[in-house]
Amino acid sequence: QVQLAESGGGLGQPGGSLRLSCALSGTTHRADAMGWFRQAPGKQRALVASITPDGRTDYGGPVKGRFAISIDNAKSAVNLQMNSLKPEDTAVYYCHAAINGNAYWGQGTQITVSS
């Protein structure tokens, strides 16, 4: 079965950096896109960043210029480098993969930005 294994995250300071990684397993199909969404308490889940195998990226407005997503096609993995962190980046971050019209989600990892 398809699995998305997330790693990284935790507690970060305002102005600091954190890194998230996500590895896809359990399928021989390459993902059409992989990325990250986040959900803060009382808010809807929203796009953070996504990337296609050929490197096309899309970013949510609040993170443009601060976060960078990259893909390792050989490992079916994506990385999210988060810089210039803000308290409003606090949320549960979910890895996402789109494969043959189906959406798959990781279990989520908490990111807290606080001094």
C-alpha atoms as a PDB file:
ATOM      1  CA  GLN A   1       0.000   0.000   0.000  1.00  0.00           C
ATOM      2  CA  VAL A   2       1.075   3.551  -0.646  1.00  0.00           C
ATOM      3  CA  GLN A   3       2.800   5.184   2.301  1.00  0.00           C
ATOM      4  CA  LEU A   4       4.254   8.634   2.848  1.00  0.00           C
ATOM      5  CA  ALA A   5       6.892   8.737   5.572  1.00  0.00           C
ATOM      6  CA  GLU A   6       7.437  12.230   6.980  1.00  0.00           C
ATOM      7  CA  SER A   7      10.462  13.351   8.979  1.00  0.00           C
ATOM      8  CA  GLY A   8      11.797  16.561  10.420  1.00  0.00           C
ATOM      9  CA  GLY A   9       9.832  19.375  11.956  1.00  0.00           C
ATOM     10  CA  GLY A  10       9.331  20.162  15.609  1.00  0.00           C
ATOM     11  CA  LEU A  11      10.038  23.480  17.289  1.00  0.00           C
ATOM     12  CA  GLY A  12      11.559  26.435  15.471  1.00  0.00           C
ATOM     13  CA  GLN A  13      12.299  30.012  16.440  1.00  0.00           C
ATOM     14  CA  PRO A  14      11.028  33.098  14.631  1.00  0.00           C
ATOM     15  CA  GLY A  15      13.507  33.911  11.896  1.00  0.00           C
ATOM     16  CA  GLY A  16      14.973  30.422  12.063  1.00  0.00           C
ATOM     17  CA  SER A  17      14.875  27.424   9.751  1.00  0.00           C
ATOM     18  CA  LEU A  18      13.476  23.918   9.713  1.00  0.00           C
ATOM     19  CA  ARG A  19      13.477  21.134   7.156  1.00  0.00           C
ATOM     20  CA  LEU A  20      10.847  18.522   6.354  1.00  0.00           C
ATOM     21  CA  SER A  21      11.312  15.389   4.284  1.00  0.00           C
ATOM     22  CA  CYS A  22       8.812  12.916   2.876  1.00  0.00           C
ATOM     23  CA  ALA A  23       9.464   9.594   1.174  1.00  0.00           C
ATOM     24  CA  LEU A  24       6.953   7.694  -0.955  1.00  0.00           C
ATOM     25  CA  SER A  25       6.842   3.905  -0.855  1.00  0.00           C
ATOM     26  CA  GLY A  26       4.511   1.036  -1.657  1.00  0.00           C
ATOM     27  CA  THR A  27       3.981   1.828  -5.336  1.00  0.00           C
ATOM     28  CA  THR A  28       5.805   1.335  -8.603  1.00  0.00           C
ATOM     29  CA  HIS A  29       4.109   4.421 -10.064  1.00  0.00           C
ATOM     30  CA  ARG A  30       5.874   7.743  -9.993  1.00  0.00           C
ATOM     31  CA  ALA A  31       3.853  10.490  -8.377  1.00  0.00           C
ATOM     32  CA  ASP A  32       2.409  13.117 -10.715  1.00  0.00           C
ATOM     33  CA  ALA A  33       3.176  15.648  -7.995  1.00  0.00           C
ATOM     34  CA  MET A  34       4.276  15.666  -4.370  1.00  0.00           C
ATOM     35  CA  GLY A  35       4.165  18.379  -1.813  1.00  0.00           C
ATOM     36  CA  TRP A  36       3.085  19.708   1.536  1.00  0.00           C
ATOM     37  CA  PHE A  37      -0.118  21.135   2.936  1.00  0.00           C
ATOM     38  CA  ARG A  38      -0.646  22.560   6.395  1.00  0.00           C
ATOM     39  CA  GLN A  39      -3.549  23.000   8.760  1.00  0.00           C
ATOM     40  CA  ALA A  40      -3.594  25.361  11.700  1.00  0.00           C
ATOM     41  CA  PRO A  41      -6.210  25.083  14.473  1.00  0.00           C
ATOM     42  CA  GLY A  42      -9.550  26.381  13.270  1.00  0.00           C
ATOM     43  CA  LYS A  43      -8.366  26.785   9.681  1.00  0.00           C
ATOM     44  CA  GLN A  44      -8.707  24.778   6.496  1.00  0.00           C
ATOM     45  CA  ARG A  45      -5.878  22.686   5.121  1.00  0.00           C
ATOM     46  CA  ALA A  46      -3.929  24.804   2.633  1.00  0.00           C
ATOM     47  CA  LEU A  47      -1.171  24.311   0.099  1.00  0.00           C
ATOM     48  CA  VAL A  48       2.350  25.036   1.276  1.00  0.00           C
ATOM     49  CA  ALA A  49       4.300  23.854  -1.748  1.00  0.00           C
ATOM     50  CA  SER A  50       4.161  21.240  -4.469  1.00  0.00           C
ATOM     51  CA  ILE A  51       6.542  19.962  -7.116  1.00  0.00           C
ATOM     52  CA  THR A  52       6.322  17.752 -10.193  1.00  0.00           C
ATOM     53  CA  PRO A  53       8.945  15.201 -11.288  1.00  0.00           C
ATOM     54  CA  ASP A  54      10.232  17.673 -13.882  1.00  0.00           C
ATOM     55  CA  GLY A  55      10.705  20.323 -11.227  1.00  0.00           C
ATOM     56  CA  ARG A  56       7.718  22.610 -11.693  1.00  0.00           C
ATOM     57  CA  THR A  57       6.825  24.181  -8.359  1.00  0.00           C
ATOM     58  CA  ASP A  58       3.851  25.924  -6.820  1.00  0.00           C
ATOM     59  CA  TYR A  59       3.813  27.765  -3.494  1.00  0.00           C
ATOM     60  CA  GLY A  60       1.120  29.051  -1.217  1.00  0.00           C
ATOM     61  CA  GLY A  61       1.119  32.820  -0.922  1.00  0.00           C
ATOM     62  CA  PRO A  62       2.217  33.077   2.726  1.00  0.00           C
ATOM     63  CA  VAL A  63       5.414  31.068   2.160  1.00  0.00           C
ATOM     64  CA  LYS A  64       6.619  32.426  -1.184  1.00  0.00           C
ATOM     65  CA  GLY A  65      10.204  33.580  -0.956  1.00  0.00           C
ATOM     66  CA  ARG A  66      10.759  31.834   2.388  1.00  0.00           C
ATOM     67  CA  PHE A  67      10.189  28.134   1.715  1.00  0.00           C
ATOM     68  CA  ALA A  68      11.771  25.983  -0.988  1.00  0.00           C
ATOM     69  CA  ILE A  69      10.664  22.537  -2.140  1.00  0.00           C
ATOM     70  CA  SER A  70      12.902  20.066  -3.930  1.00  0.00           C
ATOM     71  CA  ILE A  71      12.444  16.551  -5.267  1.00  0.00           C
ATOM     72  CA  ASP A  72      14.655  13.492  -5.426  1.00  0.00           C
ATOM     73  CA  ASN A  73      13.098  11.381  -8.153  1.00  0.00           C
ATOM     74  CA  ALA A  74      15.478   8.480  -7.564  1.00  0.00           C
ATOM     75  CA  LYS A  75      14.275   8.223  -3.971  1.00  0.00           C
ATOM     76  CA  SER A  76      10.668   9.308  -4.591  1.00  0.00           C
ATOM     77  CA  ALA A  77      11.178  11.905  -1.898  1.00  0.00           C
ATOM     78  CA  VAL A  78      10.566  15.597  -1.430  1.00  0.00           C
ATOM     79  CA  ASN A  79      12.200  18.059   0.917  1.00  0.00           C
ATOM     80  CA  LEU A  80      10.830  21.339   2.211  1.00  0.00           C
ATOM     81  CA  GLN A  81      13.351  23.910   3.423  1.00  0.00           C
ATOM     82  CA  MET A  82      11.593  26.449   5.615  1.00  0.00           C
ATOM     83  CA  ASN A  83      13.465  29.704   6.264  1.00  0.00           C
ATOM     84  CA  SER A  84      12.569  32.966   7.966  1.00  0.00           C
ATOM     85  CA  LEU A  85      10.010  31.166  10.078  1.00  0.00           C
ATOM     86  CA  LYS A  86       7.092  33.090  11.524  1.00  0.00           C
ATOM     87  CA  PRO A  87       4.737  32.199  14.389  1.00  0.00           C
ATOM     88  CA  GLU A  88       1.934  31.978  11.829  1.00  0.00           C
ATOM     89  CA  ASP A  89       3.753  29.031  10.219  1.00  0.00           C
ATOM     90  CA  THR A  90       2.684  26.986  13.242  1.00  0.00           C
ATOM     91  CA  ALA A  91       0.513  24.126  11.993  1.00  0.00           C
ATOM     92  CA  VAL A  92       0.359  20.419  11.308  1.00  0.00           C
ATOM     93  CA  TYR A  93       2.156  19.787   8.019  1.00  0.00           C
ATOM     94  CA  TYR A  94       0.952  16.940   5.790  1.00  0.00           C
ATOM     95  CA  CYS A  95       2.895  15.350   2.964  1.00  0.00           C
ATOM     96  CA  HIS A  96       0.794  14.791  -0.149  1.00  0.00           C
ATOM     97  CA  ALA A  97       1.215  12.730  -3.304  1.00  0.00           C
ATOM     98  CA  ALA A  98      -0.973  12.641  -6.404  1.00  0.00           C
ATOM     99  CA  ILE A  99      -0.707   9.297  -8.210  1.00  0.00           C
ATOM    100  CA  ASN A 100      -2.897   8.349 -11.177  1.00  0.00           C
ATOM    101  CA  GLY A 101      -5.689  10.643 -10.059  1.00  0.00           C
ATOM    102  CA  ASN A 102      -5.608   9.519  -6.444  1.00  0.00           C
ATOM    103  CA  ALA A 103      -4.503  11.608  -3.471  1.00  0.00           C
ATOM    104  CA  TYR A 104      -2.418  10.184  -0.655  1.00  0.00           C
ATOM    105  CA  TRP A 105      -1.549  11.800   2.649  1.00  0.00           C
ATOM    106  CA  GLY A 106       1.047  11.369   5.349  1.00  0.00           C
ATOM    107  CA  GLN A 107       0.048  11.234   8.998  1.00  0.00           C
ATOM    108  CA  GLY A 108       1.101  14.833   9.622  1.00  0.00           C
ATOM    109  CA  THR A 109       3.902  16.402  11.620  1.00  0.00           C
ATOM    110  CA  GLN A 110       3.614  19.344  14.003  1.00  0.00           C
ATOM    111  CA  ILE A 111       5.608  22.505  13.330  1.00  0.00           C
ATOM    112  CA  THR A 112       5.611  25.074  16.120  1.00  0.00           C
ATOM    113  CA  VAL A 113       7.318  28.442  15.716  1.00  0.00           C
ATOM    114  CA  SER A 114       7.793  30.198  18.999  1.00  0.00           C
ATOM    115  CA  SER A 115      10.439  32.044  20.958  1.00  0.00           C
END
